[in-house]
């Protein structure tokens, strides 16, 4: 019984670590978007570079939302 409880706790800790990693990745990508937009004069160039990053940010937000519901963080 103790083993299954430890496995459950370990699994929850791993899931929470994944959630924290998503938060870090999201913040880093948002910072990159700001830097790109600041450093490129031509808006079409910056948008071309930023679009895939924004798509990844949206995917991360969705993944985070799943964790937040699972952990009752919302």
C-alpha atoms as a PDB file:
ATOM      1  CA  UNK A   1       0.000   0.000   0.000  1.00  0.00           C
ATOM      2  CA  UNK A   2       2.812   2.374   0.845  1.00  0.00           C
ATOM      3  CA  UNK A   3       4.387   1.704  -2.539  1.00  0.00           C
ATOM      4  CA  UNK A   4       1.235   2.713  -4.424  1.00  0.00           C
ATOM      5  CA  UNK A   5       0.971   5.880  -2.322  1.00  0.00           C
ATOM      6  CA  UNK A   6       4.599   6.725  -3.148  1.00  0.00           C
ATOM      7  CA  UNK A   7       3.964   6.072  -6.848  1.00  0.00           C
ATOM      8  CA  UNK A   8       0.922   8.349  -6.741  1.00  0.00           C
ATOM      9  CA  UNK A   9       2.910  11.125  -5.025  1.00  0.00           C
ATOM     10  CA  UNK A  10       5.782  10.680  -7.431  1.00  0.00           C
ATOM     11  CA  UNK A  11       3.402  10.872 -10.382  1.00  0.00           C
ATOM     12  CA  UNK A  12       1.784  14.053  -9.008  1.00  0.00           C
ATOM     13  CA  UNK A  13       5.209  15.603  -8.393  1.00  0.00           C
ATOM     14  CA  UNK A  14       6.241  14.817 -11.952  1.00  0.00           C
ATOM     15  CA  UNK A  15       3.042  16.332 -13.314  1.00  0.00           C
ATOM     16  CA  UNK A  16       3.547  19.460 -11.230  1.00  0.00           C
ATOM     17  CA  UNK A  17       7.167  19.698 -12.439  1.00  0.00           C
ATOM     18  CA  UNK A  18       5.854  19.507 -16.009  1.00  0.00           C
ATOM     19  CA  UNK A  19       3.410  22.308 -15.210  1.00  0.00           C
ATOM     20  CA  UNK A  20       6.228  24.473 -13.843  1.00  0.00           C
ATOM     21  CA  UNK A  21       8.276  23.760 -16.972  1.00  0.00           C
ATOM     22  CA  UNK A  22       5.388  24.922 -19.130  1.00  0.00           C
ATOM     23  CA  UNK A  23       5.214  28.176 -17.183  1.00  0.00           C
ATOM     24  CA  UNK A  24       8.948  28.748 -17.661  1.00  0.00           C
ATOM     25  CA  UNK A  25       8.752  27.970 -21.373  1.00  0.00           C
ATOM     26  CA  UNK A  26       5.792  30.290 -21.820  1.00  0.00           C
ATOM     27  CA  UNK A  27       7.573  33.177 -20.103  1.00  0.00           C
ATOM     28  CA  UNK A  28      10.719  32.633 -22.146  1.00  0.00           C
ATOM     29  CA  UNK A  29       8.794  32.546 -25.420  1.00  0.00           C
ATOM     30  CA  UNK A  30       6.835  35.685 -24.530  1.00  0.00           C
ATOM     31  CA  UNK A  31      10.138  37.443 -23.837  1.00  0.00           C
ATOM     32  CA  UNK A  32      11.477  36.325 -27.225  1.00  0.00           C
ATOM     33  CA  UNK A  33       8.389  37.715 -28.962  1.00  0.00           C
ATOM     34  CA  UNK A  34       8.926  41.089 -27.278  1.00  0.00           C
ATOM     35  CA  UNK A  35      12.603  41.098 -28.262  1.00  0.00           C
ATOM     36  CA  UNK A  36      11.854  40.212 -31.881  1.00  0.00           C
ATOM     37  CA  UNK A  37       9.180  42.884 -32.164  1.00  0.00           C
ATOM     38  CA  UNK A  38      11.516  45.439 -30.608  1.00  0.00           C
ATOM     39  CA  UNK A  39      14.483  44.605 -32.860  1.00  0.00           C
ATOM     40  CA  UNK A  40      12.768  44.332 -36.243  1.00  0.00           C
ATOM     41  CA  UNK A  41      11.755  47.517 -38.003  1.00  0.00           C
ATOM     42  CA  UNK A  42       9.698  45.778 -40.683  1.00  0.00           C
ATOM     43  CA  UNK A  43       6.470  44.456 -39.112  1.00  0.00           C
ATOM     44  CA  UNK A  44       6.051  41.737 -41.742  1.00  0.00           C
ATOM     45  CA  UNK A  45       9.502  40.323 -40.939  1.00  0.00           C
ATOM     46  CA  UNK A  46       8.823  40.290 -37.225  1.00  0.00           C
ATOM     47  CA  UNK A  47       5.385  38.753 -37.723  1.00  0.00           C
ATOM     48  CA  UNK A  48       6.858  35.987 -39.871  1.00  0.00           C
ATOM     49  CA  UNK A  49       9.290  35.153 -37.067  1.00  0.00           C
ATOM     50  CA  UNK A  50       6.811  35.615 -34.248  1.00  0.00           C
ATOM     51  CA  UNK A  51       3.914  33.585 -35.653  1.00  0.00           C
ATOM     52  CA  UNK A  52       5.339  30.097 -34.917  1.00  0.00           C
ATOM     53  CA  UNK A  53       6.355  31.245 -31.442  1.00  0.00           C
ATOM     54  CA  UNK A  54       2.848  32.540 -30.773  1.00  0.00           C
ATOM     55  CA  UNK A  55       1.394  29.237 -31.932  1.00  0.00           C
ATOM     56  CA  UNK A  56       3.626  27.426 -29.435  1.00  0.00           C
ATOM     57  CA  UNK A  57       2.578  29.852 -26.674  1.00  0.00           C
ATOM     58  CA  UNK A  58      -1.085  29.100 -27.387  1.00  0.00           C
ATOM     59  CA  UNK A  59      -0.364  25.369 -27.252  1.00  0.00           C
ATOM     60  CA  UNK A  60       1.445  25.801 -23.925  1.00  0.00           C
ATOM     61  CA  UNK A  61      -1.511  27.786 -22.552  1.00  0.00           C
ATOM     62  CA  UNK A  62      -3.800  24.914 -23.491  1.00  0.00           C
ATOM     63  CA  UNK A  63      -1.512  22.373 -21.836  1.00  0.00           C
ATOM     64  CA  UNK A  64      -1.281  24.567 -18.737  1.00  0.00           C
ATOM     65  CA  UNK A  65      -5.055  24.825 -18.607  1.00  0.00           C
ATOM     66  CA  UNK A  66      -5.318  21.036 -18.505  1.00  0.00           C
ATOM     67  CA  UNK A  67      -2.927  20.911 -15.542  1.00  0.00           C
ATOM     68  CA  UNK A  68      -4.691  23.785 -13.797  1.00  0.00           C
ATOM     69  CA  UNK A  69      -8.006  21.955 -14.002  1.00  0.00           C
ATOM     70  CA  UNK A  70      -6.400  18.740 -12.818  1.00  0.00           C
ATOM     71  CA  UNK A  71      -4.779  20.478  -9.826  1.00  0.00           C
ATOM     72  CA  UNK A  72      -7.806  22.729  -9.162  1.00  0.00           C
ATOM     73  CA  UNK A  73      -5.717  25.869  -9.697  1.00  0.00           C
ATOM     74  CA  UNK A  74      -8.372  27.819 -11.545  1.00  0.00           C
END
